[in-house]
Amino acid sequence: MLIEGGADTISRFIAARCLDRLHITVSPVMLGAGGPGIQLPPLERADQAHRMPVRVHMIEDDVLFDCDLSAQRVALGVPKKST
């Protein structure tokens, strides 16, 4: 499933750990004032930070970061098996 959204939508999916991949494109263009970027709950320690494998692709003058978040994803709506 592709989720395309603004900072608020993407922030919520990252915080809920519901993403397998995150693609971030950086373009060498300055647009001026804008809204805040991705916002996540604060961390108490640096070792709690999200770390993920990243592949970088050049697309003409743009840079695409392909972030693999699958290791931190949690399944939602999956019933637990009773033992």
Protein backbone atom coordinates (compact mmCIF):
# COMPACT_ATOMS: atom_id res chain seq x y z
CA MET A 1 0.00 0.00 0.00
CA LEU A 2 1.31 3.45 -0.84
CA ILE A 3 0.65 6.20 1.68
CA GLU A 4 1.33 9.62 0.29
CA GLY A 5 0.77 12.46 2.68
CA GLY A 6 2.09 15.47 4.45
CA ALA A 7 4.22 15.66 7.56
CA ASP A 8 1.35 14.96 9.96
CA THR A 9 0.20 11.79 8.15
CA ILE A 10 3.72 10.42 7.73
CA SER A 11 4.63 11.29 11.35
CA ARG A 12 1.67 9.28 12.65
CA PHE A 13 2.58 6.19 10.62
CA ILE A 14 6.24 6.38 11.72
CA ALA A 15 5.28 6.83 15.40
CA ALA A 16 2.90 3.84 15.18
CA ARG A 17 5.67 1.77 13.54
CA CYS A 18 3.36 0.81 10.68
CA LEU A 19 5.69 1.37 7.72
CA ASP A 20 7.87 -1.07 5.82
CA ARG A 21 9.60 1.58 3.71
CA LEU A 22 9.88 5.35 3.71
CA HIS A 23 10.97 7.26 0.63
CA ILE A 24 12.22 10.80 1.16
CA THR A 25 13.15 12.96 -1.79
CA VAL A 26 15.38 16.00 -1.34
CA SER A 27 15.50 18.56 -4.13
CA PRO A 28 17.93 21.47 -4.38
CA VAL A 29 15.09 24.03 -4.35
CA MET A 30 14.33 26.60 -1.65
CA LEU A 31 10.62 27.33 -1.52
CA GLY A 32 10.54 29.64 1.48
CA ALA A 33 8.37 29.35 4.58
CA GLY A 34 6.48 26.12 5.09
CA GLY A 35 4.99 23.94 7.75
CA PRO A 36 6.96 21.75 10.14
CA GLY A 37 8.46 18.50 8.93
CA ILE A 38 8.11 15.06 10.47
CA GLN A 39 7.37 15.29 14.19
CA LEU A 40 7.82 12.32 16.52
CA PRO A 41 7.44 11.92 20.28
CA PRO A 42 10.59 13.00 22.17
CA LEU A 43 13.10 10.34 23.24
CA GLU A 44 14.73 10.02 26.64
CA ARG A 45 17.94 8.47 25.28
CA ALA A 46 19.76 8.45 21.94
CA ASP A 47 19.72 4.63 21.83
CA GLN A 48 15.91 4.81 21.43
CA ALA A 49 16.27 6.62 18.08
CA HIS A 50 15.03 5.05 14.86
CA ARG A 51 17.93 3.46 12.95
CA MET A 52 17.38 1.80 9.63
CA PRO A 53 19.22 0.62 6.53
CA VAL A 54 19.11 3.32 3.85
CA ARG A 55 19.84 3.21 0.12
CA VAL A 56 20.51 6.49 -1.67
CA HIS A 57 19.57 7.09 -5.30
CA MET A 58 20.38 10.10 -7.46
CA ILE A 59 17.52 11.14 -9.76
CA GLU A 60 18.98 13.95 -11.85
CA ASP A 61 19.58 16.71 -9.24
CA ASP A 62 17.30 15.14 -6.61
CA VAL A 63 18.32 12.61 -3.96
CA LEU A 64 15.97 9.79 -2.97
CA PHE A 65 16.49 8.14 0.41
CA ASP A 66 14.96 4.65 0.48
CA CYS A 67 14.63 3.86 4.21
CA ASP A 68 13.92 0.23 5.18
CA LEU A 69 11.71 0.36 8.28
CA SER A 70 10.55 -3.27 8.14
CA ALA A 71 12.63 -4.36 11.15
CA GLN A 72 10.82 -1.91 13.45
CA ARG A 73 7.29 -2.45 12.06
CA VAL A 74 4.62 -3.92 14.31
CA ALA A 75 1.62 -5.79 12.94
CA LEU A 76 -1.72 -4.19 13.70
CA GLY A 77 -5.02 -5.99 13.96
CA VAL A 78 -3.47 -9.45 14.09
CA PRO A 79 -5.16 -11.57 16.78
CA LYS A 80 -2.80 -13.19 19.28
CA LYS A 81 -2.76 -16.98 19.37
CA SER A 82 -3.80 -18.52 22.64
CA THR A 83 -1.65 -21.31 24.05
